[in-house]
Amino acid sequence: MWYVINDGPIKILKANNVIAITDGAPYCIEKPREELTTEDKRNDNLDNVTKDILYKTLDKITFSKIKMCRKTKEIWEKLIQLCEGNDQTKENKLSIAVQKFDNIKMKIVESMNEYDERVSRIINELNALGKVYSNKEVALKVVRGLLKEWHVK
């Protein structure tokens, strides 16, 4: 399936002995449907199976954005564009995530677990975008972001 996602549908070919390339290798043509073996049919249908799996994993909004794509490879490229964006989009996402990390403070109505989860989400987002902070930097940021009542502890 990964081959179909990366390179497009598998073409089932057969050697055409009537036309030969100059070095003696056979010229390949697409195999007629009636000559396909069970394995050939399975490989020929792999693009449809892969599309079906991708369709079932998407929410309605994302599906509406890719439903016009005809091949699995097109769907995958569109999903990459939607989720990751181009280089400028990635830079913008990174800048926003760094700004979130720099400005993180514990909210008055927030428990320690909620604050920890919020910090973890931001750290995971930064890691996914290629920005890695050391444990020491994260710990200092967490401590500095605590409410004043936590400073004594």
N, C-alpha and C. Protein backbone atom coordinates (compact mmCIF):
# COMPACT_ATOMS: atom_id res chain seq x y z
N MET A 1 0.81 -1.19 0.00
CA MET A 1 0.00 0.00 0.00
C MET A 1 0.86 1.26 0.00
N TRP A 2 1.97 1.21 0.73
CA TRP A 2 2.84 2.39 0.78
C TRP A 2 3.40 2.70 -0.60
N TYR A 3 3.67 1.69 -1.39
CA TYR A 3 4.14 1.89 -2.76
C TYR A 3 3.08 2.65 -3.55
N VAL A 4 1.82 2.28 -3.39
CA VAL A 4 0.72 2.93 -4.10
C VAL A 4 0.59 4.39 -3.66
N ILE A 5 0.77 4.65 -2.37
CA ILE A 5 0.68 6.01 -1.85
C ILE A 5 1.82 6.86 -2.42
N ASN A 6 3.02 6.33 -2.44
CA ASN A 6 4.18 7.10 -2.91
C ASN A 6 4.28 7.22 -4.42
N ASP A 7 3.99 6.13 -5.13
CA ASP A 7 4.26 6.09 -6.57
C ASP A 7 3.03 6.03 -7.46
N GLY A 8 1.86 5.88 -6.89
CA GLY A 8 0.65 5.79 -7.70
C GLY A 8 0.26 4.34 -7.92
N PRO A 9 -0.83 4.13 -8.65
CA PRO A 9 -1.34 2.77 -8.87
C PRO A 9 -0.31 1.86 -9.54
N ILE A 10 -0.38 0.58 -9.19
CA ILE A 10 0.51 -0.41 -9.78
C ILE A 10 0.00 -0.74 -11.18
N LYS A 11 0.90 -0.70 -12.15
CA LYS A 11 0.54 -1.06 -13.52
C LYS A 11 0.93 -2.51 -13.74
N ILE A 12 -0.02 -3.32 -14.16
CA ILE A 12 0.23 -4.73 -14.44
C ILE A 12 0.65 -4.84 -15.90
N LEU A 13 1.91 -5.22 -16.11
CA LEU A 13 2.48 -5.27 -17.45
C LEU A 13 2.81 -6.69 -17.87
N LYS A 14 2.92 -6.87 -19.17
CA LYS A 14 3.40 -8.14 -19.71
C LYS A 14 4.34 -7.84 -20.85
N ALA A 15 5.21 -8.78 -21.14
CA ALA A 15 6.19 -8.61 -22.22
C ALA A 15 5.49 -8.76 -23.56
N ASN A 16 5.81 -7.86 -24.48
CA ASN A 16 5.29 -7.94 -25.85
C ASN A 16 6.45 -8.41 -26.72
N ASN A 17 6.42 -9.65 -27.12
CA ASN A 17 7.52 -10.23 -27.88
C ASN A 17 7.56 -9.76 -29.33
N VAL A 18 6.49 -9.12 -29.80
CA VAL A 18 6.45 -8.64 -31.18
C VAL A 18 7.39 -7.46 -31.34
N ILE A 19 7.39 -6.57 -30.37
CA ILE A 19 8.26 -5.40 -30.42
C ILE A 19 9.35 -5.58 -29.37
N ALA A 20 10.60 -5.50 -29.79
CA ALA A 20 11.71 -5.65 -28.85
C ALA A 20 12.56 -4.39 -28.88
N ILE A 21 13.07 -4.02 -27.73
CA ILE A 21 13.99 -2.89 -27.65
C ILE A 21 15.33 -3.36 -28.18
N THR A 22 16.15 -2.46 -28.68
CA THR A 22 17.39 -2.81 -29.36
C THR A 22 18.34 -3.67 -28.55
N ASP A 23 18.35 -3.55 -27.24
CA ASP A 23 19.30 -4.34 -26.45
C ASP A 23 18.79 -5.76 -26.19
N GLY A 24 17.65 -6.13 -26.76
CA GLY A 24 17.13 -7.49 -26.61
C GLY A 24 16.10 -7.65 -25.53
N ALA A 25 15.90 -6.61 -24.72
CA ALA A 25 14.90 -6.68 -23.66
C ALA A 25 13.51 -6.57 -24.27
N PRO A 26 12.54 -7.26 -23.69
CA PRO A 26 11.19 -7.19 -24.25
C PRO A 26 10.53 -5.84 -23.97
N TYR A 27 9.65 -5.43 -24.86
CA TYR A 27 8.87 -4.22 -24.70
C TYR A 27 7.64 -4.60 -23.88
N CYS A 28 7.33 -3.85 -22.86
CA CYS A 28 6.21 -4.19 -21.97
C CYS A 28 4.98 -3.38 -22.32
N ILE A 29 3.84 -4.05 -22.28
CA ILE A 29 2.56 -3.40 -22.48
C ILE A 29 1.65 -3.76 -21.31
N GLU A 30 0.56 -3.01 -21.16
CA GLU A 30 -0.38 -3.31 -20.09
C GLU A 30 -1.09 -4.62 -20.38
N LYS A 31 -1.19 -5.44 -19.35
CA LYS A 31 -1.81 -6.76 -19.47
C LYS A 31 -3.32 -6.61 -19.62
N PRO A 32 -3.94 -7.29 -20.59
CA PRO A 32 -5.40 -7.22 -20.73
C PRO A 32 -6.11 -7.80 -19.50
N ARG A 33 -7.27 -7.32 -19.22
CA ARG A 33 -8.03 -7.71 -18.03
C ARG A 33 -8.27 -9.22 -17.97
N GLU A 34 -8.54 -9.83 -19.11
CA GLU A 34 -8.83 -11.27 -19.12
C GLU A 34 -7.61 -12.13 -18.83
N GLU A 35 -6.41 -11.58 -18.92
CA GLU A 35 -5.19 -12.34 -18.66
C GLU A 35 -4.68 -12.16 -17.22
N LEU A 36 -5.35 -11.34 -16.42
CA LEU A 36 -4.88 -11.07 -15.07
C LEU A 36 -5.06 -12.29 -14.17
N THR A 37 -4.03 -12.58 -13.39
CA THR A 37 -4.11 -13.65 -12.39
C THR A 37 -4.77 -13.08 -11.13
N THR A 38 -5.01 -13.93 -10.17
CA THR A 38 -5.62 -13.49 -8.91
C THR A 38 -4.73 -12.45 -8.23
N GLU A 39 -3.43 -12.69 -8.21
CA GLU A 39 -2.51 -11.74 -7.60
C GLU A 39 -2.47 -10.43 -8.39
N ASP A 40 -2.50 -10.52 -9.71
CA ASP A 40 -2.54 -9.31 -10.54
C ASP A 40 -3.77 -8.48 -10.23
N LYS A 41 -4.91 -9.14 -10.08
CA LYS A 41 -6.16 -8.44 -9.77
C LYS A 41 -6.08 -7.77 -8.41
N ARG A 42 -5.46 -8.46 -7.46
CA ARG A 42 -5.30 -7.89 -6.12
C ARG A 42 -4.41 -6.65 -6.17
N ASN A 43 -3.30 -6.74 -6.90
CA ASN A 43 -2.41 -5.58 -7.04
C ASN A 43 -3.07 -4.45 -7.81
N ASP A 44 -3.87 -4.79 -8.81
CA ASP A 44 -4.55 -3.80 -9.62
C ASP A 44 -5.58 -3.04 -8.77
N ASN A 45 -6.15 -3.69 -7.79
CA ASN A 45 -7.18 -3.10 -6.94
C ASN A 45 -6.60 -2.41 -5.71
N LEU A 46 -5.29 -2.47 -5.52
CA LEU A 46 -4.65 -1.94 -4.31
C LEU A 46 -4.88 -0.43 -4.14
N ASP A 47 -4.94 0.30 -5.23
CA ASP A 47 -5.19 1.74 -5.15
C ASP A 47 -6.57 2.00 -4.55
N ASN A 48 -7.56 1.22 -4.97
CA ASN A 48 -8.92 1.38 -4.43
C ASN A 48 -8.98 1.01 -2.95
N VAL A 49 -8.31 -0.06 -2.58
CA VAL A 49 -8.29 -0.49 -1.18
C VAL A 49 -7.63 0.58 -0.31
N THR A 50 -6.52 1.13 -0.78
CA THR A 50 -5.80 2.15 -0.03
C THR A 50 -6.64 3.42 0.09
N LYS A 51 -7.31 3.82 -0.99
CA LYS A 51 -8.20 4.98 -0.93
C LYS A 51 -9.30 4.76 0.10
N ASP A 52 -9.87 3.57 0.10
CA ASP A 52 -10.94 3.25 1.04
C ASP A 52 -10.46 3.39 2.49
N ILE A 53 -9.27 2.90 2.77
CA ILE A 53 -8.71 3.01 4.13
C ILE A 53 -8.50 4.47 4.50
N LEU A 54 -7.97 5.26 3.58
CA LEU A 54 -7.77 6.68 3.87
C LEU A 54 -9.11 7.38 4.09
N TYR A 55 -10.09 7.09 3.27
CA TYR A 55 -11.41 7.71 3.41
C TYR A 55 -12.01 7.42 4.78
N LYS A 56 -11.87 6.20 5.25
CA LYS A 56 -12.48 5.80 6.52
C LYS A 56 -11.81 6.44 7.73
N THR A 57 -10.59 6.92 7.56
CA THR A 57 -9.87 7.51 8.69
C THR A 57 -10.06 9.02 8.79
N LEU A 58 -10.68 9.62 7.78
CA LEU A 58 -10.80 11.08 7.75
C LEU A 58 -12.13 11.56 8.31
N ASP A 59 -12.10 12.74 8.92
CA ASP A 59 -13.36 13.35 9.36
C ASP A 59 -14.05 13.98 8.15
N LYS A 60 -15.30 14.41 8.33
CA LYS A 60 -16.10 14.93 7.22
C LYS A 60 -15.49 16.17 6.57
N ILE A 61 -14.91 17.03 7.37
CA ILE A 61 -14.34 18.27 6.84
C ILE A 61 -13.13 17.98 5.97
N THR A 62 -12.23 17.14 6.46
CA THR A 62 -11.04 16.79 5.68
C THR A 62 -11.44 16.00 4.44
N PHE A 63 -12.38 15.09 4.60
CA PHE A 63 -12.84 14.30 3.45
C PHE A 63 -13.38 15.20 2.34
N SER A 64 -14.11 16.24 2.72
CA SER A 64 -14.67 17.14 1.71
C SER A 64 -13.58 17.87 0.93
N LYS A 65 -12.41 18.01 1.52
CA LYS A 65 -11.30 18.70 0.86
C LYS A 65 -10.53 17.80 -0.10
N ILE A 66 -10.63 16.47 0.09
CA ILE A 66 -9.84 15.55 -0.75
C ILE A 66 -10.71 14.67 -1.65
N LYS A 67 -12.03 14.79 -1.54
CA LYS A 67 -12.90 13.86 -2.26
C LYS A 67 -12.79 13.97 -3.78
N MET A 68 -12.27 15.06 -4.30
CA MET A 68 -12.13 15.21 -5.75
C MET A 68 -10.86 14.55 -6.29
N CYS A 69 -9.97 14.13 -5.42
CA CYS A 69 -8.74 13.45 -5.86
C CYS A 69 -9.08 12.06 -6.36
N ARG A 70 -8.49 11.68 -7.49
CA ARG A 70 -8.82 10.41 -8.12
C ARG A 70 -7.91 9.27 -7.70
N LYS A 71 -6.66 9.55 -7.41
CA LYS A 71 -5.68 8.52 -7.06
C LYS A 71 -5.23 8.68 -5.62
N THR A 72 -4.78 7.57 -5.03
CA THR A 72 -4.31 7.59 -3.64
C THR A 72 -3.15 8.56 -3.48
N LYS A 73 -2.25 8.58 -4.45
CA LYS A 73 -1.09 9.47 -4.37
C LYS A 73 -1.55 10.93 -4.30
N GLU A 74 -2.55 11.30 -5.08
CA GLU A 74 -3.09 12.66 -5.04
C GLU A 74 -3.69 12.97 -3.67
N ILE A 75 -4.42 12.00 -3.11
CA ILE A 75 -5.03 12.17 -1.79
C ILE A 75 -3.94 12.42 -0.76
N TRP A 76 -2.89 11.59 -0.80
CA TRP A 76 -1.81 11.70 0.18
C TRP A 76 -1.12 13.06 0.07
N GLU A 77 -0.84 13.51 -1.15
CA GLU A 77 -0.18 14.80 -1.34
C GLU A 77 -1.06 15.94 -0.84
N LYS A 78 -2.35 15.85 -1.06
CA LYS A 78 -3.29 16.87 -0.58
C LYS A 78 -3.33 16.86 0.95
N LEU A 79 -3.33 15.67 1.56
CA LEU A 79 -3.34 15.58 3.02
C LEU A 79 -2.07 16.18 3.62
N ILE A 80 -0.93 15.93 2.98
CA ILE A 80 0.33 16.52 3.45
C ILE A 80 0.24 18.03 3.39
N GLN A 81 -0.28 18.53 2.28
CA GLN A 81 -0.42 19.98 2.12
C GLN A 81 -1.37 20.56 3.17
N LEU A 82 -2.48 19.87 3.42
CA LEU A 82 -3.45 20.35 4.41
C LEU A 82 -2.90 20.31 5.83
N CYS A 83 -2.20 19.24 6.17
CA CYS A 83 -1.74 19.06 7.55
C CYS A 83 -0.43 19.77 7.85
N GLU A 84 0.50 19.71 6.92
CA GLU A 84 1.81 20.29 7.17
C GLU A 84 1.97 21.66 6.54
N GLY A 85 1.38 21.85 5.37
CA GLY A 85 1.52 23.11 4.66
C GLY A 85 2.87 23.23 3.99
N ASN A 86 3.11 24.38 3.40
CA ASN A 86 4.40 24.61 2.75
C ASN A 86 5.41 25.12 3.77
N ASP A 87 6.60 25.46 3.34
CA ASP A 87 7.66 25.88 4.25
C ASP A 87 7.27 27.12 5.06
N GLN A 88 6.60 28.07 4.41
CA GLN A 88 6.20 29.29 5.10
C GLN A 88 5.17 28.98 6.19
N THR A 89 4.24 28.07 5.89
CA THR A 89 3.24 27.67 6.88
C THR A 89 3.91 27.00 8.08
N LYS A 90 4.90 26.14 7.80
CA LYS A 90 5.62 25.47 8.89
C LYS A 90 6.35 26.48 9.76
N GLU A 91 6.98 27.47 9.14
CA GLU A 91 7.67 28.51 9.90
C GLU A 91 6.69 29.30 10.77
N ASN A 92 5.52 29.60 10.21
CA ASN A 92 4.51 30.33 10.98
C ASN A 92 4.02 29.50 12.17
N LYS A 93 3.78 28.21 11.94
CA LYS A 93 3.34 27.32 13.02
C LYS A 93 4.40 27.25 14.11
N LEU A 94 5.67 27.16 13.69
CA LEU A 94 6.76 27.11 14.66
C LEU A 94 6.84 28.40 15.46
N SER A 95 6.72 29.54 14.79
CA SER A 95 6.77 30.83 15.49
C SER A 95 5.65 30.94 16.52
N ILE A 96 4.46 30.50 16.13
CA ILE A 96 3.32 30.57 17.06
C ILE A 96 3.54 29.63 18.25
N ALA A 97 4.04 28.43 17.98
CA ALA A 97 4.29 27.47 19.07
C ALA A 97 5.38 27.98 20.01
N VAL A 98 6.44 28.57 19.48
CA VAL A 98 7.50 29.13 20.32
C VAL A 98 6.94 30.27 21.17
N GLN A 99 6.10 31.09 20.57
CA GLN A 99 5.48 32.19 21.31
C GLN A 99 4.58 31.65 22.43
N LYS A 100 3.82 30.60 22.15
CA LYS A 100 2.99 29.96 23.18
C LYS A 100 3.87 29.48 24.34
N PHE A 101 5.00 28.84 23.99
CA PHE A 101 5.91 28.32 25.02
C PHE A 101 6.49 29.46 25.84
N ASP A 102 6.92 30.51 25.16
CA ASP A 102 7.52 31.64 25.86
C ASP A 102 6.54 32.34 26.80
N ASN A 103 5.27 32.36 26.43
CA ASN A 103 4.27 33.11 27.20
C ASN A 103 3.43 32.24 28.14
N ILE A 104 3.77 30.98 28.28
CA ILE A 104 2.93 30.09 29.08
C ILE A 104 3.00 30.46 30.56
N LYS A 105 1.82 30.58 31.13
CA LYS A 105 1.67 30.87 32.56
C LYS A 105 0.50 30.04 33.06
N MET A 106 0.58 29.63 34.29
CA MET A 106 -0.51 28.88 34.90
C MET A 106 -1.69 29.82 35.12
N LYS A 107 -2.88 29.35 34.77
CA LYS A 107 -4.09 30.15 34.96
C LYS A 107 -4.59 30.00 36.39
N ILE A 108 -5.30 31.00 36.87
CA ILE A 108 -5.76 31.00 38.26
C ILE A 108 -6.69 29.82 38.54
N VAL A 109 -7.55 29.49 37.60
CA VAL A 109 -8.53 28.42 37.81
C VAL A 109 -8.02 27.05 37.35
N GLU A 110 -6.74 26.97 37.04
CA GLU A 110 -6.16 25.75 36.45
C GLU A 110 -5.50 24.90 37.54
N SER A 111 -5.72 23.58 37.46
CA SER A 111 -5.04 22.67 38.38
C SER A 111 -3.63 22.40 37.85
N MET A 112 -2.82 21.82 38.69
CA MET A 112 -1.45 21.49 38.29
C MET A 112 -1.46 20.49 37.12
N ASN A 113 -2.36 19.50 37.15
CA ASN A 113 -2.46 18.52 36.07
C ASN A 113 -2.85 19.18 34.75
N GLU A 114 -3.79 20.10 34.80
CA GLU A 114 -4.21 20.81 33.58
C GLU A 114 -3.06 21.65 33.02
N TYR A 115 -2.35 22.32 33.90
CA TYR A 115 -1.20 23.12 33.48
C TYR A 115 -0.13 22.22 32.84
N ASP A 116 0.14 21.09 33.48
CA ASP A 116 1.12 20.14 32.96
C ASP A 116 0.70 19.62 31.59
N GLU A 117 -0.57 19.30 31.42
CA GLU A 117 -1.07 18.82 30.12
C GLU A 117 -0.92 19.89 29.05
N ARG A 118 -1.21 21.14 29.39
CA ARG A 118 -1.09 22.24 28.44
C ARG A 118 0.37 22.43 28.01
N VAL A 119 1.28 22.36 28.97
CA VAL A 119 2.71 22.47 28.66
C VAL A 119 3.14 21.30 27.77
N SER A 120 2.69 20.11 28.11
CA SER A 120 3.06 18.92 27.31
C SER A 120 2.57 19.03 25.88
N ARG A 121 1.35 19.54 25.68
CA ARG A 121 0.82 19.71 24.31
C ARG A 121 1.69 20.67 23.51
N ILE A 122 2.09 21.76 24.14
CA ILE A 122 2.94 22.74 23.45
C ILE A 122 4.30 22.14 23.13
N ILE A 123 4.89 21.42 24.08
CA ILE A 123 6.19 20.78 23.87
C ILE A 123 6.10 19.76 22.73
N ASN A 124 5.02 18.96 22.71
CA ASN A 124 4.83 17.98 21.63
C ASN A 124 4.68 18.66 20.28
N GLU A 125 3.95 19.76 20.26
CA GLU A 125 3.79 20.53 19.02
C GLU A 125 5.14 21.05 18.53
N LEU A 126 5.93 21.58 19.45
CA LEU A 126 7.26 22.09 19.10
C LEU A 126 8.16 20.96 18.59
N ASN A 127 8.13 19.82 19.26
CA ASN A 127 8.93 18.67 18.82
C ASN A 127 8.54 18.24 17.40
N ALA A 128 7.24 18.22 17.13
CA ALA A 128 6.76 17.83 15.80
C ALA A 128 7.22 18.81 14.73
N LEU A 129 7.42 20.06 15.12
CA LEU A 129 7.87 21.08 14.17
C LEU A 129 9.39 21.20 14.11
N GLY A 130 10.10 20.37 14.88
CA GLY A 130 11.55 20.33 14.82
C GLY A 130 12.27 21.16 15.87
N LYS A 131 11.55 21.78 16.77
CA LYS A 131 12.16 22.58 17.83
C LYS A 131 12.16 21.76 19.11
N VAL A 132 13.36 21.48 19.63
CA VAL A 132 13.48 20.64 20.82
C VAL A 132 14.10 21.46 21.95
N TYR A 133 13.41 21.47 23.09
CA TYR A 133 13.94 22.12 24.28
C TYR A 133 14.46 21.03 25.21
N SER A 134 15.50 21.36 25.96
CA SER A 134 16.03 20.40 26.94
C SER A 134 15.07 20.30 28.11
N ASN A 135 15.20 19.23 28.88
CA ASN A 135 14.37 19.06 30.07
C ASN A 135 14.57 20.21 31.06
N LYS A 136 15.79 20.69 31.13
CA LYS A 136 16.09 21.79 32.04
C LYS A 136 15.33 23.06 31.62
N GLU A 137 15.35 23.37 30.33
CA GLU A 137 14.64 24.55 29.84
C GLU A 137 13.13 24.44 30.09
N VAL A 138 12.58 23.26 29.88
CA VAL A 138 11.15 23.04 30.09
C VAL A 138 10.82 23.17 31.58
N ALA A 139 11.64 22.56 32.42
CA ALA A 139 11.39 22.62 33.87
C ALA A 139 11.45 24.07 34.37
N LEU A 140 12.44 24.83 33.91
CA LEU A 140 12.53 26.24 34.31
C LEU A 140 11.31 27.02 33.85
N LYS A 141 10.87 26.77 32.64
CA LYS A 141 9.70 27.47 32.10
C LYS A 141 8.46 27.13 32.91
N VAL A 142 8.30 25.85 33.26
CA VAL A 142 7.14 25.42 34.05
C VAL A 142 7.16 26.10 35.41
N VAL A 143 8.30 26.10 36.08
CA VAL A 143 8.41 26.70 37.41
C VAL A 143 8.16 28.20 37.34
N ARG A 144 8.72 28.86 36.35
CA ARG A 144 8.53 30.32 36.22
C ARG A 144 7.08 30.68 35.87
N GLY A 145 6.37 29.76 35.28
CA GLY A 145 4.99 30.02 34.90
C GLY A 145 3.98 29.72 35.99
N LEU A 146 4.44 29.19 37.11
CA LEU A 146 3.54 28.87 38.21
C LEU A 146 3.00 30.14 38.87
N LEU A 147 1.83 30.01 39.47
CA LEU A 147 1.25 31.12 40.22
C LEU A 147 2.10 31.40 41.46
N LYS A 148 1.98 32.60 42.01
CA LYS A 148 2.81 33.01 43.16
C LYS A 148 2.61 32.09 44.36
N GLU A 149 1.40 31.56 44.53
CA GLU A 149 1.14 30.67 45.67
C GLU A 149 1.97 29.39 45.61
N TRP A 150 2.44 29.03 44.44
CA TRP A 150 3.27 27.81 44.28
C TRP A 150 4.74 28.09 44.57
N HIS A 151 5.16 29.34 44.58
CA HIS A 151 6.58 29.67 44.76
C HIS A 151 7.13 29.18 46.09
N VAL A 152 6.30 29.19 47.12
CA VAL A 152 6.74 28.74 48.44
C VAL A 152 7.06 27.25 48.39
N LYS A 153 6.25 26.48 47.65
CA LYS A 153 6.42 25.05 47.60
C LYS A 153 7.58 24.69 46.72
